[in-house]
Amino acid sequence: MLVEIIHCRGHENVRATHRSTLEITTEDFLTPRGDCIICVSADKALKDLREEFKEALKRGAKLKIVIRAGDVEDEVTAYGSPDLKLESPISMVIRKSDYIDGRTLAIRANKSARDLKRELVELLQNPETEVTVELIIDEEKA
């Protein structure tokens, strides 16, 4: 099993209403237009992921994303692709579609920002909220 853990924070402008993506950013600011961003000040972007993790994603591995704030968590499932670039120094985007660019972590997700539990989104709207995002690839199941 390959695991990457990202620590980030909530922000008062988190809306989590985007229909097809969700995003984690290393930036510490968020405008109300960033409706796919679920947390800011992340301690990792795509370029920071371990090579073996990136290689598994490029083999099309199934990715489980667990987003946890306080005692509330939600889970998203998505997939890697041989076309992933995994190079952004700022963010990572999980997409419901098959679209890939330099910010894409995974595609064909079962949820976007607007599908997250609203109880979790409420916590993500507080700048004091510490958020943990676990990226898990179980290669035995891949």
C-alpha atoms as a PDB file:
ATOM      1  CA  MET A   1       0.000   0.000   0.000  1.00  0.00           C
ATOM      2  CA  LEU A   2       1.248   3.484  -0.896  1.00  0.00           C
ATOM      3  CA  VAL A   3       0.121   6.438   1.214  1.00  0.00           C
ATOM      4  CA  GLU A   4       0.732  10.171   0.957  1.00  0.00           C
ATOM      5  CA  ILE A   5      -0.543  12.444   3.741  1.00  0.00           C
ATOM      6  CA  ILE A   6      -1.254  16.104   3.122  1.00  0.00           C
ATOM      7  CA  HIS A   7      -1.913  18.647   5.856  1.00  0.00           C
ATOM      8  CA  CYS A   8      -3.851  21.776   4.952  1.00  0.00           C
ATOM      9  CA  ARG A   9      -6.277  24.302   6.457  1.00  0.00           C
ATOM     10  CA  GLY A  10      -9.789  25.498   5.938  1.00  0.00           C
ATOM     11  CA  HIS A  11     -10.600  28.973   4.604  1.00  0.00           C
ATOM     12  CA  GLU A  12     -13.636  31.246   4.958  1.00  0.00           C
ATOM     13  CA  ASN A  13     -14.087  31.322   1.156  1.00  0.00           C
ATOM     14  CA  VAL A  14     -14.402  27.537   0.735  1.00  0.00           C
ATOM     15  CA  ARG A  15     -17.629  26.963  -1.192  1.00  0.00           C
ATOM     16  CA  ALA A  16     -17.115  23.399  -2.450  1.00  0.00           C
ATOM     17  CA  THR A  17     -19.823  23.798  -5.089  1.00  0.00           C
ATOM     18  CA  HIS A  18     -17.922  22.842  -8.261  1.00  0.00           C
ATOM     19  CA  ARG A  19     -19.695  20.117 -10.246  1.00  0.00           C
ATOM     20  CA  SER A  20     -16.732  18.286 -11.719  1.00  0.00           C
ATOM     21  CA  THR A  21     -13.537  18.897  -9.708  1.00  0.00           C
ATOM     22  CA  LEU A  22     -12.068  19.335  -6.264  1.00  0.00           C
ATOM     23  CA  GLU A  23      -8.739  20.956  -5.555  1.00  0.00           C
ATOM     24  CA  ILE A  24      -6.151  21.223  -2.797  1.00  0.00           C
ATOM     25  CA  THR A  25      -3.718  24.142  -3.005  1.00  0.00           C
ATOM     26  CA  THR A  26      -0.474  25.167  -1.322  1.00  0.00           C
ATOM     27  CA  GLU A  27      -1.514  28.812  -1.650  1.00  0.00           C
ATOM     28  CA  ASP A  28      -2.721  30.475   1.549  1.00  0.00           C
ATOM     29  CA  PHE A  29      -5.486  32.543  -0.046  1.00  0.00           C
ATOM     30  CA  LEU A  30      -8.743  31.721  -1.793  1.00  0.00           C
ATOM     31  CA  THR A  31     -11.179  33.976  -3.609  1.00  0.00           C
ATOM     32  CA  PRO A  32     -14.912  33.174  -3.634  1.00  0.00           C
ATOM     33  CA  ARG A  33     -14.520  32.195  -7.314  1.00  0.00           C
ATOM     34  CA  GLY A  34     -12.389  29.171  -6.321  1.00  0.00           C
ATOM     35  CA  ASP A  35     -15.437  26.982  -5.827  1.00  0.00           C
ATOM     36  CA  CYS A  36     -13.564  23.693  -6.315  1.00  0.00           C
ATOM     37  CA  ILE A  37     -10.885  24.383  -3.676  1.00  0.00           C
ATOM     38  CA  ILE A  38     -11.497  22.537  -0.407  1.00  0.00           C
ATOM     39  CA  CYS A  39      -8.399  23.543   1.574  1.00  0.00           C
ATOM     40  CA  VAL A  40      -5.418  25.911   1.442  1.00  0.00           C
ATOM     41  CA  SER A  41      -1.832  26.027   2.738  1.00  0.00           C
ATOM     42  CA  ALA A  42      -1.243  22.375   1.823  1.00  0.00           C
ATOM     43  CA  ASP A  43       2.189  21.061   2.730  1.00  0.00           C
ATOM     44  CA  LYS A  44       2.421  19.145  -0.581  1.00  0.00           C
ATOM     45  CA  ALA A  45       1.578  19.699  -4.241  1.00  0.00           C
ATOM     46  CA  LEU A  46       1.824  17.180  -7.076  1.00  0.00           C
ATOM     47  CA  LYS A  47       5.553  17.719  -7.577  1.00  0.00           C
ATOM     48  CA  ASP A  48       6.146  16.753  -3.922  1.00  0.00           C
ATOM     49  CA  LEU A  49       4.643  13.259  -4.152  1.00  0.00           C
ATOM     50  CA  ARG A  50       7.073  10.338  -3.960  1.00  0.00           C
ATOM     51  CA  GLU A  51       8.173   8.877  -7.305  1.00  0.00           C
ATOM     52  CA  GLU A  52       6.814   5.403  -6.499  1.00  0.00           C
ATOM     53  CA  PHE A  53       3.408   6.966  -5.764  1.00  0.00           C
ATOM     54  CA  LYS A  54       3.462   8.880  -9.063  1.00  0.00           C
ATOM     55  CA  GLU A  55       4.496   5.743 -10.944  1.00  0.00           C
ATOM     56  CA  ALA A  56       1.558   3.794  -9.494  1.00  0.00           C
ATOM     57  CA  LEU A  57      -0.831   6.568 -10.572  1.00  0.00           C
ATOM     58  CA  LYS A  58       0.672   6.496 -14.062  1.00  0.00           C
ATOM     59  CA  ARG A  59      -0.114   2.773 -14.184  1.00  0.00           C
ATOM     60  CA  GLY A  60      -3.786   3.691 -13.737  1.00  0.00           C
ATOM     61  CA  ALA A  61      -4.035   2.720 -10.065  1.00  0.00           C
ATOM     62  CA  LYS A  62      -7.247   3.251  -8.116  1.00  0.00           C
ATOM     63  CA  LEU A  63      -6.829   6.102  -5.642  1.00  0.00           C
ATOM     64  CA  LYS A  64      -8.744   6.511  -2.402  1.00  0.00           C
ATOM     65  CA  ILE A  65      -8.796  10.084  -1.071  1.00  0.00           C
ATOM     66  CA  VAL A  66      -9.853  10.474   2.571  1.00  0.00           C
ATOM     67  CA  ILE A  67     -10.551  14.062   3.651  1.00  0.00           C
ATOM     68  CA  ARG A  68     -10.706  14.517   7.416  1.00  0.00           C
ATOM     69  CA  ALA A  69     -11.478  17.615   9.504  1.00  0.00           C
ATOM     70  CA  GLY A  70     -12.229  17.244  13.190  1.00  0.00           C
ATOM     71  CA  ASP A  71     -14.287  14.079  13.610  1.00  0.00           C
ATOM     72  CA  VAL A  72     -15.866  14.324  10.137  1.00  0.00           C
ATOM     73  CA  GLU A  73     -14.474  12.595   7.080  1.00  0.00           C
ATOM     74  CA  ASP A  74     -15.478  11.882   3.516  1.00  0.00           C
ATOM     75  CA  GLU A  75     -13.989   9.605   0.898  1.00  0.00           C
ATOM     76  CA  VAL A  76     -13.493  10.025  -2.833  1.00  0.00           C
ATOM     77  CA  THR A  77     -12.394   7.355  -5.295  1.00  0.00           C
ATOM     78  CA  ALA A  78     -10.588   8.238  -8.532  1.00  0.00           C
ATOM     79  CA  TYR A  79      -8.081   6.727 -10.956  1.00  0.00           C
ATOM     80  CA  GLY A  80      -4.643   7.397 -12.300  1.00  0.00           C
ATOM     81  CA  SER A  81      -3.697   7.401 -15.990  1.00  0.00           C
ATOM     82  CA  PRO A  82      -0.553   6.960 -18.099  1.00  0.00           C
ATOM     83  CA  ASP A  83      -1.170  10.519 -19.363  1.00  0.00           C
ATOM     84  CA  LEU A  84      -0.777  12.164 -15.927  1.00  0.00           C
ATOM     85  CA  LYS A  85       2.000  14.770 -15.680  1.00  0.00           C
ATOM     86  CA  LEU A  86       1.922  15.211 -11.859  1.00  0.00           C
ATOM     87  CA  GLU A  87       4.101  18.316 -11.997  1.00  0.00           C
ATOM     88  CA  SER A  88       2.265  21.245 -10.404  1.00  0.00           C
ATOM     89  CA  PRO A  89       4.222  23.016  -7.656  1.00  0.00           C
ATOM     90  CA  ILE A  90       1.016  24.604  -6.332  1.00  0.00           C
ATOM     91  CA  SER A  91      -1.987  22.314  -6.431  1.00  0.00           C
ATOM     92  CA  MET A  92      -3.633  18.991  -7.087  1.00  0.00           C
ATOM     93  CA  VAL A  93      -6.970  18.563  -8.831  1.00  0.00           C
ATOM     94  CA  ILE A  94      -9.231  15.511  -8.739  1.00  0.00           C
ATOM     95  CA  ARG A  95     -11.610  15.395 -11.711  1.00  0.00           C
ATOM     96  CA  LYS A  96     -14.817  13.538 -12.513  1.00  0.00           C
ATOM     97  CA  SER A  97     -13.903  13.796 -16.211  1.00  0.00           C
ATOM     98  CA  ASP A  98     -10.973  12.314 -18.158  1.00  0.00           C
ATOM     99  CA  TYR A  99      -9.387  15.760 -18.675  1.00  0.00           C
ATOM    100  CA  ILE A 100      -5.701  15.904 -17.748  1.00  0.00           C
ATOM    101  CA  ASP A 101      -3.344  18.848 -17.355  1.00  0.00           C
ATOM    102  CA  GLY A 102      -0.288  19.565 -15.212  1.00  0.00           C
ATOM    103  CA  ARG A 103      -2.453  20.049 -12.089  1.00  0.00           C
ATOM    104  CA  THR A 104      -4.401  16.772 -12.372  1.00  0.00           C
ATOM    105  CA  LEU A 105      -3.904  14.198  -9.593  1.00  0.00           C
ATOM    106  CA  ALA A 106      -6.579  11.732 -10.707  1.00  0.00           C
ATOM    107  CA  ILE A 107      -9.553  11.345 -13.071  1.00  0.00           C
ATOM    108  CA  ARG A 108     -12.940   9.584 -13.225  1.00  0.00           C
ATOM    109  CA  ALA A 109     -13.676  10.507  -9.599  1.00  0.00           C
ATOM    110  CA  ASN A 110     -16.939   9.458  -7.968  1.00  0.00           C
ATOM    111  CA  LYS A 111     -17.299  12.871  -6.291  1.00  0.00           C
ATOM    112  CA  SER A 112     -16.509  16.518  -6.911  1.00  0.00           C
ATOM    113  CA  ALA A 113     -16.379  19.388  -4.403  1.00  0.00           C
ATOM    114  CA  ARG A 114     -20.158  19.785  -4.397  1.00  0.00           C
ATOM    115  CA  ASP A 115     -20.669  16.099  -3.538  1.00  0.00           C
ATOM    116  CA  LEU A 116     -18.726  16.280  -0.264  1.00  0.00           C
ATOM    117  CA  LYS A 117     -20.625  15.992   3.000  1.00  0.00           C
ATOM    118  CA  ARG A 118     -21.929  19.456   3.873  1.00  0.00           C
ATOM    119  CA  GLU A 119     -20.976  18.841   7.509  1.00  0.00           C
ATOM    120  CA  LEU A 120     -17.365  18.531   6.329  1.00  0.00           C
ATOM    121  CA  VAL A 121     -17.654  21.615   4.107  1.00  0.00           C
ATOM    122  CA  GLU A 122     -18.825  23.664   7.120  1.00  0.00           C
ATOM    123  CA  LEU A 123     -15.609  22.719   8.930  1.00  0.00           C
ATOM    124  CA  LEU A 124     -13.565  23.506   5.800  1.00  0.00           C
ATOM    125  CA  GLN A 125     -14.986  27.064   5.867  1.00  0.00           C
ATOM    126  CA  ASN A 126     -13.194  27.783   9.144  1.00  0.00           C
ATOM    127  CA  PRO A 127      -9.582  29.026   8.792  1.00  0.00           C
ATOM    128  CA  GLU A 128      -8.785  27.429  12.169  1.00  0.00           C
ATOM    129  CA  THR A 129      -9.712  23.954  10.920  1.00  0.00           C
ATOM    130  CA  GLU A 130      -6.768  21.628  10.400  1.00  0.00           C
ATOM    131  CA  VAL A 131      -7.435  19.213   7.555  1.00  0.00           C
ATOM    132  CA  THR A 132      -5.748  15.910   6.751  1.00  0.00           C
ATOM    133  CA  VAL A 133      -6.006  14.425   3.272  1.00  0.00           C
ATOM    134  CA  GLU A 134      -4.831  10.837   2.843  1.00  0.00           C
ATOM    135  CA  LEU A 135      -4.043   9.593  -0.642  1.00  0.00           C
ATOM    136  CA  ILE A 136      -4.092   5.788  -0.611  1.00  0.00           C
ATOM    137  CA  ILE A 137      -3.216   3.352  -3.385  1.00  0.00           C
ATOM    138  CA  ASP A 138      -3.721  -0.321  -2.610  1.00  0.00           C
ATOM    139  CA  GLU A 139      -1.749  -1.930  -5.412  1.00  0.00           C
ATOM    140  CA  GLU A 140      -2.917  -5.398  -4.441  1.00  0.00           C
ATOM    141  CA  LYS A 141      -6.430  -4.342  -5.470  1.00  0.00           C
ATOM    142  CA  ALA A 142      -5.298  -2.441  -8.561  1.00  0.00           C
END
